[in-house]
Amino acid sequence: MDVKAAPNGVATIEDRILRITGYYGYYPGYSSQKSTSRSSVTRCKPGANCPSSHSGISRQLSPLSVTEDSSAPILELQSRGSSGVCGRRVERQNRSGDDSTQTHPENSSQENRIKARCLSCTSMVLKAVWGLLIILSVSSSWVGTTQIVKITYKNFYCPFFMTWFSTNWNIMFFPVYYSGHLATAQEKQSPMKKFRECSRIFGEDGLTLKLFLKRTAPFSILWTLTNYLYLLALKKLTATDVSALFCCNKAFVFLLSWIVLKDRFMGVRIVATIMAITGIVMMAYADNFHADSIIGVAFAVGSASTSALYKVLFKMFLGSANFGEGAHFVSTLGFFNLVFISFTPVVLYFTKVEHWASFAALPWGCLCGMAGMWLVFNILVNVGVVLTYPILISIGTLLSVPGNAAVDLLKQEVIFNVVRLAATIIICIGFLLMLLPEEWDEITLRFINSLKEKKSEEHVDDITDSSVHLRSRSRVNGAVSIPLA
């Protein structure tokens, strides 16, 4: 049934509805052309070339001049539809590409973190292994030095000559360090260049004659006094007692650092100092204050005191030194001892204070063994600071006390009574208290708080697990909670 044209030129009801609704592709006579265009337009997949359909549309719409302009939006919408689907695909591909590029650096960062953790773990394991080896080496070398001295005293008692002879071996410290440098370093340096580089411990100008006499003389005297008093104490006391008393040098280092260097005051170290002094008194009382015992304790305490003064003055004037600078300084002490202190054994020989029949009669095996063990001990102390934690070196020195005690028991040279054993234990406990770091109280509080947090978290997890278990049981049993009105 045909519908008459309205006065405004709208032919059909459909045209009027489209005109009122404002359809974007509307033009007069749209409904009449719609049926013919449907038959001519063929559907195709987006992105595919459909020339027949486009040609059909153009042939059907070409007789009307207005329809050619108004049909452009319809074709544009069709092209937009096809391009929109493709565009969405491209955007999804781009987003997936962006996501892959974002996940790739995240994966690489995670791999780097894992590698860094593995490296840190391996370095800690290596440090721990090196620390264990150095602890055993330091304690065994110190025990060996002390026991060789006791053996030497059976046939030869010249403590100052033994001190001078063993100190001369310190000259070999820097050559040993340079040999290690040649074996391990990638960029090898000449001996003179390495010597000048390590001589910066004396100042920017290096080692001069003035600095050599000014800085080396007091430290060389303290070094000689420490070793000489230690050897004198070994004549009066057992090796166990002397090594235990020598551990008091940590307490003396704290007192001198607090007074001279104005270090931080720590109550726990004051307690450790009191324990060290108590152990010293008990050690003297162990033999009922016998004359030899009191003199031996005085020599051992004097050796610990000069050792502490050496360390404090070294920190005051020279500061911290690396392995190369330490090797250079110890070798310089040996050279100073050879040049300037050699007259003292000669004077003692001619005054018959320390006299021997002939040089052939000297126990060269014991003397060289003592000097070699002492040199190994000094090298290990300096190497250990580089390879592992410094606290392990102190623990190695402390372990020389039970090591010497075991050797003395095997040799049946010592009888441990209650007082001597208690004094040794008290001194060792005080030594261990000295090894506590300055922030030990804060570290302890953090550790306790972390334990409390873990316990609270475990308690909350247990409560949640129990509640979930009860709910699951109620659901299984069909229990229903009915709210009361």
Protein backbone atom coordinates (compact mmCIF):
# COMPACT_ATOMS: atom_id res chain seq x y z
CA MET A 1 0.00 0.00 0.00
CA ASP A 2 1.44 3.29 -1.08
CA VAL A 3 1.40 6.28 1.20
CA LYS A 4 0.91 9.72 -0.17
CA ALA A 5 3.59 12.28 0.11
CA ALA A 6 3.19 14.80 2.89
CA PRO A 7 3.44 18.52 2.27
CA ASN A 8 6.93 18.73 3.72
CA GLY A 9 8.14 16.18 1.18
CA VAL A 10 8.29 13.16 3.51
CA ALA A 11 6.88 10.24 1.52
CA THR A 12 6.42 7.49 4.05
CA ILE A 13 5.85 7.00 7.76
CA GLU A 14 9.29 5.36 8.03
CA ASP A 15 10.90 8.45 6.48
CA ARG A 16 9.04 10.63 8.95
CA ILE A 17 10.21 8.50 11.91
CA LEU A 18 13.79 8.57 10.69
CA ARG A 19 13.62 12.32 10.20
CA ILE A 20 12.19 12.85 13.72
CA THR A 21 14.76 10.59 15.38
CA GLY A 22 17.56 12.35 13.46
CA TYR A 23 19.14 9.27 11.90
CA TYR A 24 22.59 10.15 10.67
CA GLY A 25 22.18 8.65 7.22
CA TYR A 26 18.75 10.02 6.55
CA TYR A 27 17.81 11.67 3.24
CA PRO A 28 14.42 12.16 1.54
CA GLY A 29 13.33 8.97 -0.17
CA TYR A 30 15.54 6.84 2.10
CA SER A 31 12.93 4.17 2.59
CA SER A 32 12.28 3.82 -1.16
CA GLN A 33 15.95 3.40 -1.89
CA LYS A 34 16.49 1.11 1.08
CA SER A 35 14.95 -1.99 -0.41
CA THR A 36 16.95 -1.71 -3.60
CA SER A 37 20.23 -0.97 -1.76
CA ARG A 38 19.75 -4.05 0.47
CA SER A 39 19.54 -6.28 -2.53
CA SER A 40 22.60 -4.76 -4.16
CA VAL A 41 24.87 -4.49 -1.07
CA THR A 42 26.59 -7.77 -0.18
CA ARG A 43 28.10 -8.48 3.18
CA CYS A 44 31.82 -9.05 3.45
CA LYS A 45 34.24 -9.58 6.24
CA PRO A 46 35.99 -6.54 7.62
CA GLY A 47 39.25 -5.86 5.90
CA ALA A 48 38.33 -7.84 2.79
CA ASN A 49 38.12 -6.17 -0.63
CA CYS A 50 34.57 -6.18 -1.95
CA PRO A 51 34.64 -4.18 -5.20
CA SER A 52 31.31 -5.56 -6.45
CA SER A 53 29.41 -4.28 -3.48
CA HIS A 54 30.94 -0.82 -3.66
CA SER A 55 30.27 -0.61 -7.35
CA GLY A 56 26.71 -1.74 -6.84
CA ILE A 57 26.13 0.92 -4.24
CA SER A 58 27.60 3.60 -6.40
CA ARG A 59 25.47 2.49 -9.37
CA GLN A 60 22.29 2.52 -7.30
CA LEU A 61 23.01 5.89 -5.71
CA SER A 62 24.50 7.74 -8.64
CA PRO A 63 21.21 9.03 -10.19
CA LEU A 64 20.56 11.15 -7.12
CA SER A 65 22.86 14.07 -6.60
CA VAL A 66 21.92 14.48 -2.93
CA THR A 67 22.13 10.83 -2.11
CA GLU A 68 25.76 10.64 -3.24
CA ASP A 69 26.77 13.16 -0.62
CA SER A 70 24.51 11.72 2.03
CA SER A 71 25.60 8.12 1.41
CA ALA A 72 29.21 8.97 2.31
CA PRO A 73 28.52 8.77 6.04
CA ILE A 74 27.07 5.27 5.64
CA LEU A 75 30.16 4.05 3.82
CA GLU A 76 32.27 5.84 6.37
CA LEU A 77 30.46 4.03 9.18
CA GLN A 78 30.99 0.72 7.42
CA SER A 79 34.68 1.44 6.98
CA ARG A 80 34.87 2.61 10.56
CA GLY A 81 33.29 -0.63 11.69
CA SER A 82 35.77 -2.74 9.79
CA SER A 83 38.73 -0.58 10.75
CA GLY A 84 37.51 -0.45 14.36
CA VAL A 85 37.69 -4.21 14.68
CA CYS A 86 41.14 -4.25 13.14
CA GLY A 87 42.14 -1.27 15.26
CA ARG A 88 41.01 -3.05 18.39
CA ARG A 89 43.07 -6.05 17.37
CA VAL A 90 46.09 -3.84 16.78
CA GLU A 91 45.54 -2.11 20.14
CA ARG A 92 45.30 -5.50 21.85
CA GLN A 93 48.50 -6.59 20.14
CA ASN A 94 50.18 -3.34 21.18
CA ARG A 95 48.94 -3.76 24.74
CA SER A 96 50.14 -7.34 24.81
CA GLY A 97 53.48 -6.11 23.47
CA ASP A 98 53.61 -3.43 26.15
CA ASP A 99 52.71 -6.00 28.78
CA SER A 100 55.47 -8.28 27.52
CA THR A 101 57.94 -5.41 27.57
CA GLN A 102 56.83 -4.55 31.10
CA THR A 103 57.02 -8.14 32.31
CA HIS A 104 60.43 -8.63 30.69
CA PRO A 105 62.23 -6.01 32.82
CA GLU A 106 60.35 -7.27 35.87
CA ASN A 107 61.59 -10.80 35.19
CA SER A 108 65.10 -9.50 34.57
CA SER A 109 65.00 -7.48 37.79
CA GLN A 110 63.83 -10.56 39.70
CA GLU A 111 66.62 -12.60 38.13
CA ASN A 112 69.12 -9.89 39.12
CA ARG A 113 67.79 -9.91 42.67
CA ILE A 114 68.09 -13.68 42.84
CA LYS A 115 71.63 -13.51 41.48
CA ALA A 116 72.54 -10.78 43.99
CA ARG A 117 71.12 -12.86 46.84
CA CYS A 118 73.03 -15.91 45.66
CA LEU A 119 76.23 -13.90 45.44
CA SER A 120 75.70 -12.44 48.91
CA CYS A 121 74.98 -15.91 50.31
CA THR A 122 78.06 -17.38 48.68
CA SER A 123 80.21 -14.50 49.94
CA MET A 124 78.88 -15.01 53.46
CA VAL A 125 79.54 -18.74 53.24
CA LEU A 126 83.06 -18.12 51.96
CA LYS A 127 83.67 -15.60 54.74
CA ALA A 128 82.43 -18.10 57.30
CA VAL A 129 84.66 -20.85 55.88
CA TRP A 130 87.67 -18.53 55.77
CA GLY A 131 86.81 -17.40 59.28
CA LEU A 132 86.76 -20.97 60.58
CA LEU A 133 90.09 -21.74 58.95
CA ILE A 134 91.65 -18.53 60.25
CA ILE A 135 90.31 -19.15 63.78
CA LEU A 136 91.96 -22.56 63.82
CA SER A 137 95.17 -21.18 62.25
CA VAL A 138 95.44 -18.21 64.64
CA SER A 139 94.83 -20.31 67.76
CA SER A 140 97.18 -23.09 66.62
CA SER A 141 99.96 -20.65 65.67
CA TRP A 142 99.71 -18.85 69.02
CA VAL A 143 99.63 -22.14 70.93
CA GLY A 144 102.59 -23.36 68.89
CA THR A 145 104.58 -20.20 69.62
CA THR A 146 103.92 -20.45 73.37
CA GLN A 147 104.75 -24.14 73.59
CA ILE A 148 107.95 -23.80 71.53
CA VAL A 149 109.09 -21.06 73.93
CA LYS A 150 108.48 -23.39 76.88
CA ILE A 151 110.47 -26.12 75.13
CA THR A 152 113.33 -23.71 74.34
CA TYR A 153 113.55 -22.64 77.99
CA LYS A 154 114.65 -26.15 78.97
CA ASN A 155 118.07 -25.65 77.36
CA PHE A 156 118.29 -21.95 76.52
CA TYR A 157 116.99 -18.99 78.52
CA CYS A 158 117.72 -15.67 76.82
CA PRO A 159 114.33 -13.94 76.51
CA PHE A 160 115.52 -10.65 75.06
CA PHE A 161 117.67 -12.33 72.43
CA MET A 162 114.69 -14.51 71.50
CA THR A 163 112.50 -11.42 71.26
CA TRP A 164 115.04 -9.58 69.10
CA PHE A 165 115.56 -12.62 66.85
CA SER A 166 111.84 -13.19 66.28
CA THR A 167 111.16 -9.48 65.65
CA ASN A 168 113.79 -9.43 62.88
CA TRP A 169 111.68 -11.93 60.97
CA ASN A 170 109.02 -9.25 60.56
CA ILE A 171 111.09 -7.87 57.68
CA MET A 172 109.78 -10.75 55.57
CA PHE A 173 106.17 -9.62 56.01
CA PHE A 174 106.13 -7.21 53.07
CA PRO A 175 107.88 -9.65 50.67
CA VAL A 176 105.26 -12.26 51.57
CA TYR A 177 102.51 -9.71 50.88
CA TYR A 178 104.07 -8.73 47.55
CA SER A 179 104.33 -12.39 46.51
CA GLY A 180 100.61 -12.75 47.18
CA HIS A 181 100.01 -9.58 45.16
CA LEU A 182 101.88 -11.04 42.18
CA ALA A 183 99.95 -14.29 42.44
CA THR A 184 96.45 -12.82 42.74
CA ALA A 185 96.36 -9.29 41.28
CA GLN A 186 95.39 -8.74 37.65
CA GLU A 187 97.32 -5.46 37.32
CA LYS A 188 100.74 -6.22 38.74
CA GLN A 189 102.92 -3.41 40.06
CA SER A 190 106.65 -3.16 40.53
CA PRO A 191 108.05 -3.65 44.06
CA MET A 192 109.07 0.00 44.42
CA LYS A 193 105.72 1.29 43.21
CA LYS A 194 103.88 -1.02 45.59
CA PHE A 195 106.22 -0.04 48.42
CA ARG A 196 105.57 3.67 47.83
CA GLU A 197 101.84 3.06 47.62
CA CYS A 198 101.81 1.22 50.95
CA SER A 199 104.05 3.80 52.60
CA ARG A 200 101.16 6.27 52.59
CA ILE A 201 100.33 5.02 56.04
CA PHE A 202 103.01 7.40 57.28
CA GLY A 203 101.53 10.37 55.40
CA GLU A 204 101.04 11.80 51.94
CA ASP A 205 104.79 12.26 51.49
CA GLY A 206 105.46 8.61 52.20
CA LEU A 207 108.23 7.26 54.38
CA THR A 208 110.92 9.79 55.19
CA LEU A 209 113.80 9.55 57.65
CA LYS A 210 112.07 11.89 60.07
CA LEU A 211 108.83 9.96 59.99
CA PHE A 212 110.73 6.70 60.17
CA LEU A 213 112.33 7.71 63.46
CA LYS A 214 109.30 9.56 64.80
CA ARG A 215 106.60 7.01 64.07
CA THR A 216 108.51 3.73 64.09
CA ALA A 217 110.58 4.18 67.26
CA PRO A 218 107.74 4.23 69.86
CA PHE A 219 105.86 1.38 68.21
CA SER A 220 109.01 -0.71 67.93
CA ILE A 221 109.75 -0.20 71.62
CA LEU A 222 106.19 -1.18 72.57
CA TRP A 223 106.37 -4.23 70.29
CA THR A 224 109.61 -5.38 71.90
CA LEU A 225 108.32 -4.77 75.43
CA THR A 226 105.13 -6.74 74.76
CA ASN A 227 106.97 -9.79 73.47
CA TYR A 228 109.75 -9.58 76.07
CA LEU A 229 107.35 -9.39 79.01
CA TYR A 230 105.32 -12.25 77.55
CA LEU A 231 108.44 -14.43 77.38
CA LEU A 232 109.39 -13.48 80.95
CA ALA A 233 105.92 -14.48 82.16
CA LEU A 234 106.25 -17.89 80.49
CA LYS A 235 109.26 -18.60 82.72
CA LYS A 236 107.24 -18.04 85.90
CA LEU A 237 103.78 -19.35 84.93
CA THR A 238 102.29 -22.07 82.79
CA ALA A 239 101.33 -21.44 79.19
CA THR A 240 97.62 -21.63 80.09
CA ASP A 241 97.89 -18.95 82.77
CA VAL A 242 99.93 -16.59 80.60
CA SER A 243 97.65 -16.91 77.57
CA ALA A 244 94.59 -16.34 79.80
CA LEU A 245 96.12 -13.26 81.41
CA PHE A 246 97.16 -11.89 78.02
CA CYS A 247 93.49 -11.90 77.00
CA CYS A 248 93.00 -9.02 79.46
CA ASN A 249 94.46 -6.67 76.84
CA LYS A 250 90.93 -6.20 75.47
CA ALA A 251 89.86 -4.67 78.78
CA PHE A 252 92.89 -2.39 78.80
CA VAL A 253 92.21 -1.33 75.22
CA PHE A 254 88.68 -0.30 76.24
CA LEU A 255 89.90 1.72 79.24
CA LEU A 256 92.59 3.51 77.21
CA SER A 257 90.22 4.17 74.31
CA TRP A 258 87.64 5.59 76.70
CA ILE A 259 90.21 7.86 78.37
CA VAL A 260 92.43 8.83 75.42
CA LEU A 261 90.27 8.45 72.32
CA LYS A 262 87.00 9.46 74.05
CA ASP A 263 85.21 6.38 72.79
CA ARG A 264 81.65 5.57 73.78
CA PHE A 265 81.13 4.47 77.35
CA MET A 266 79.59 1.00 77.64
CA GLY A 267 78.47 -0.54 80.90
CA VAL A 268 78.92 -4.10 79.68
CA ARG A 269 82.59 -3.43 78.95
CA ILE A 270 83.07 -1.98 82.41
CA VAL A 271 81.67 -5.25 83.75
CA ALA A 272 84.07 -7.15 81.48
CA THR A 273 86.99 -5.06 82.79
CA ILE A 274 86.01 -5.80 86.38
CA MET A 275 85.82 -9.49 85.52
CA ALA A 276 89.30 -9.34 83.95
CA ILE A 277 90.76 -7.70 87.05
CA THR A 278 89.01 -10.27 89.25
CA GLY A 279 90.51 -13.06 87.17
CA ILE A 280 93.97 -11.54 87.51
CA VAL A 281 93.69 -11.41 91.30
CA MET A 282 92.36 -14.96 91.45
CA MET A 283 95.17 -16.15 89.22
CA ALA A 284 97.71 -14.69 91.64
CA TYR A 285 95.81 -16.24 94.56
CA ALA A 286 95.79 -19.68 92.91
CA ASP A 287 99.31 -20.39 94.22
CA ASN A 288 98.70 -18.68 97.57
CA PHE A 289 100.41 -15.49 96.38
CA HIS A 290 103.70 -17.22 95.79
CA ALA A 291 106.57 -14.91 94.77
CA ASP A 292 107.07 -16.45 91.34
CA SER A 293 103.34 -16.47 90.75
CA ILE A 294 102.94 -12.78 91.60
CA ILE A 295 105.93 -11.83 89.41
CA GLY A 296 104.65 -13.95 86.56
CA VAL A 297 101.18 -12.37 86.80
CA ALA A 298 102.79 -8.93 86.80
CA PHE A 299 104.80 -9.75 83.67
CA ALA A 300 101.71 -11.11 81.88
CA VAL A 301 99.58 -8.11 82.84
CA GLY A 302 102.39 -5.77 81.77
CA SER A 303 102.56 -7.52 78.39
CA ALA A 304 98.79 -7.11 77.97
CA SER A 305 99.04 -3.43 78.96
CA THR A 306 101.80 -2.61 76.46
CA SER A 307 99.88 -4.46 73.75
CA ALA A 308 96.79 -2.36 74.52
CA LEU A 309 98.85 0.85 74.47
CA TYR A 310 100.32 -0.15 71.10
CA LYS A 311 96.85 -0.65 69.60
CA VAL A 312 95.45 2.61 70.98
CA LEU A 313 98.42 4.68 69.81
CA PHE A 314 98.30 3.04 66.41
CA LYS A 315 94.65 4.03 66.07
CA MET A 316 95.39 7.55 67.29
CA PHE A 317 98.35 8.39 65.05
CA LEU A 318 98.02 6.08 62.05
CA GLY A 319 94.31 5.29 61.97
CA SER A 320 93.07 2.25 60.11
CA ALA A 321 95.35 0.47 57.64
CA ASN A 322 94.69 -2.03 54.86
CA PHE A 323 96.58 -5.27 54.41
CA GLY A 324 99.37 -3.77 52.33
CA GLU A 325 99.94 -0.85 54.68
CA GLY A 326 99.95 -3.19 57.68
CA ALA A 327 102.52 -5.42 56.02
CA HIS A 328 104.65 -2.38 55.20
CA PHE A 329 104.46 -1.10 58.78
CA VAL A 330 105.35 -4.46 60.39
CA SER A 331 108.29 -4.87 58.00
CA THR A 332 109.44 -1.36 58.93
CA LEU A 333 109.31 -2.33 62.60
CA GLY A 334 111.50 -5.34 61.85
CA PHE A 335 113.99 -3.17 59.98
CA PHE A 336 114.10 -0.65 62.85
CA ASN A 337 114.65 -3.51 65.30
CA LEU A 338 117.55 -4.85 63.23
CA VAL A 339 119.25 -1.46 62.86
CA PHE A 340 118.67 0.30 66.17
CA ILE A 341 118.01 -2.41 68.79
CA SER A 342 120.74 -4.86 67.81
CA PHE A 343 123.14 -3.29 70.30
CA THR A 344 120.98 -4.42 73.25
CA PRO A 345 121.58 -8.20 72.85
CA VAL A 346 125.28 -7.43 72.39
CA VAL A 347 125.40 -5.48 75.65
CA LEU A 348 123.49 -8.22 77.47
CA TYR A 349 125.88 -10.82 76.05
CA PHE A 350 129.05 -9.09 77.19
CA THR A 351 127.58 -8.27 80.58
CA LYS A 352 126.67 -11.97 80.86
CA VAL A 353 123.04 -11.22 81.59
CA GLU A 354 122.14 -13.34 78.60
CA HIS A 355 125.17 -15.43 77.78
CA TRP A 356 125.70 -18.57 75.74
CA ALA A 357 128.78 -20.63 75.05
CA SER A 358 128.89 -20.39 71.26
CA PHE A 359 126.61 -19.75 68.33
CA ALA A 360 126.81 -23.40 67.39
CA ALA A 361 125.35 -24.32 70.76
CA LEU A 362 122.22 -22.22 70.18
CA PRO A 363 119.00 -24.19 69.58
CA TRP A 364 118.48 -22.80 66.09
CA GLY A 365 115.65 -25.19 65.34
CA CYS A 366 113.57 -23.99 68.28
CA LEU A 367 114.49 -20.35 67.65
CA CYS A 368 113.55 -20.50 63.98
CA GLY A 369 110.37 -22.41 64.79
CA MET A 370 109.36 -19.82 67.37
CA ALA A 371 110.11 -16.89 65.04
CA GLY A 372 108.33 -18.57 62.13
CA MET A 373 105.21 -19.29 64.18
CA TRP A 374 105.19 -15.73 65.48
CA LEU A 375 105.45 -14.38 61.92
CA VAL A 376 102.62 -16.66 60.78
CA PHE A 377 100.48 -15.40 63.65
CA ASN A 378 101.08 -11.76 62.71
CA ILE A 379 100.35 -12.47 59.04
CA LEU A 380 97.14 -14.33 59.87
CA VAL A 381 95.93 -11.50 62.10
CA ASN A 382 96.33 -9.01 59.25
CA VAL A 383 95.04 -11.34 56.54
CA GLY A 384 92.04 -12.37 58.60
CA VAL A 385 90.78 -8.80 58.83
CA VAL A 386 90.66 -8.70 55.01
CA LEU A 387 89.22 -12.16 54.33
CA THR A 388 86.73 -12.50 57.17
CA TYR A 389 85.24 -10.72 60.17
CA PRO A 390 87.67 -9.10 62.68
CA ILE A 391 85.81 -10.59 65.64
CA LEU A 392 86.87 -14.06 64.52
CA ILE A 393 90.54 -13.11 64.99
CA SER A 394 89.84 -12.28 68.62
CA ILE A 395 87.99 -15.56 69.05
CA GLY A 396 91.01 -17.38 67.61
CA THR A 397 93.23 -15.68 70.20
CA LEU A 398 90.80 -16.69 72.96
CA LEU A 399 90.80 -20.31 71.80
CA SER A 400 94.53 -20.43 72.50
CA VAL A 401 93.65 -20.70 76.22
CA PRO A 402 91.91 -24.10 76.00
CA GLY A 403 94.51 -25.14 73.42
CA ASN A 404 97.38 -24.44 75.80
CA ALA A 405 95.42 -26.06 78.63
CA ALA A 406 95.05 -29.26 76.58
CA VAL A 407 98.76 -29.33 75.79
CA ASP A 408 99.70 -28.63 79.42
CA LEU A 409 97.46 -31.44 80.60
CA LEU A 410 99.04 -33.83 78.13
CA LYS A 411 102.50 -32.75 79.28
CA GLN A 412 101.36 -32.91 82.93
CA GLU A 413 102.79 -29.47 83.63
CA VAL A 414 99.71 -27.98 85.26
CA ILE A 415 97.26 -29.04 87.92
CA PHE A 416 93.96 -27.20 87.65
CA ASN A 417 92.56 -26.33 91.04
CA VAL A 418 89.22 -24.66 91.54
CA VAL A 419 90.62 -21.13 91.87
CA ARG A 420 92.78 -21.31 88.75
CA LEU A 421 89.98 -22.81 86.70
CA ALA A 422 87.50 -20.17 87.92
CA ALA A 423 89.97 -17.37 87.18
CA THR A 424 90.52 -18.66 83.63
CA ILE A 425 86.77 -18.93 82.98
CA ILE A 426 86.08 -15.43 84.37
CA ILE A 427 88.79 -13.88 82.18
CA CYS A 428 87.47 -15.68 79.09
CA ILE A 429 83.89 -14.51 79.81
CA GLY A 430 85.12 -10.95 80.21
CA PHE A 431 86.98 -11.26 76.91
CA LEU A 432 83.79 -12.40 75.18
CA LEU A 433 81.84 -9.50 76.67
CA MET A 434 84.41 -7.16 75.18
CA LEU A 435 83.59 -8.50 71.73
CA LEU A 436 79.98 -7.31 71.90
CA PRO A 437 79.27 -4.49 69.42
CA GLU A 438 78.38 -1.01 70.59
CA GLU A 439 74.73 -1.40 69.53
CA TRP A 440 74.34 -4.80 71.18
CA ASP A 441 71.42 -3.62 73.35
CA GLU A 442 69.49 -2.25 70.35
CA ILE A 443 70.18 -5.41 68.36
CA THR A 444 68.97 -7.55 71.28
CA LEU A 445 65.76 -5.52 71.63
CA ARG A 446 65.07 -5.80 67.89
CA PHE A 447 65.61 -9.54 68.03
CA ILE A 448 63.24 -9.92 70.99
CA ASN A 449 60.59 -7.76 69.29
CA SER A 450 60.87 -9.79 66.09
CA LEU A 451 60.36 -12.99 68.08
CA LYS A 452 57.28 -11.50 69.76
CA GLU A 453 55.84 -10.44 66.40
CA LYS A 454 56.40 -13.90 64.95
CA LYS A 455 54.67 -15.49 67.94
CA SER A 456 51.70 -13.11 67.66
CA GLU A 457 51.40 -13.80 63.92
CA GLU A 458 51.53 -17.54 64.52
CA HIS A 459 48.84 -17.17 67.22
CA VAL A 460 46.57 -15.22 64.83
CA ASP A 461 47.14 -17.80 62.10
CA ASP A 462 46.22 -20.59 64.51
CA ILE A 463 43.01 -18.78 65.50
CA THR A 464 42.00 -18.21 61.86
CA ASP A 465 42.80 -21.81 60.96
CA SER A 466 40.72 -23.10 63.87
CA SER A 467 37.78 -20.83 62.97
CA VAL A 468 37.89 -21.93 59.33
CA HIS A 469 38.03 -25.56 60.46
CA LEU A 470 34.97 -25.09 62.69
CA ARG A 471 33.05 -23.40 59.89
CA SER A 472 33.86 -26.17 57.47
CA ARG A 473 32.74 -28.78 60.03
CA SER A 474 29.47 -26.93 60.63
CA ARG A 475 28.80 -26.78 56.90
CA VAL A 476 29.53 -30.46 56.50
CA ASN A 477 27.28 -31.40 59.42
CA GLY A 478 24.50 -29.18 58.09
CA ALA A 479 24.37 -26.91 61.09
CA VAL A 480 22.44 -23.71 60.50
CA SER A 481 22.63 -20.71 62.77
CA ILE A 482 19.15 -19.24 63.38
CA PRO A 483 19.23 -15.61 64.51
CA LEU A 484 17.16 -14.95 67.62
CA ALA A 485 14.44 -12.34 67.38
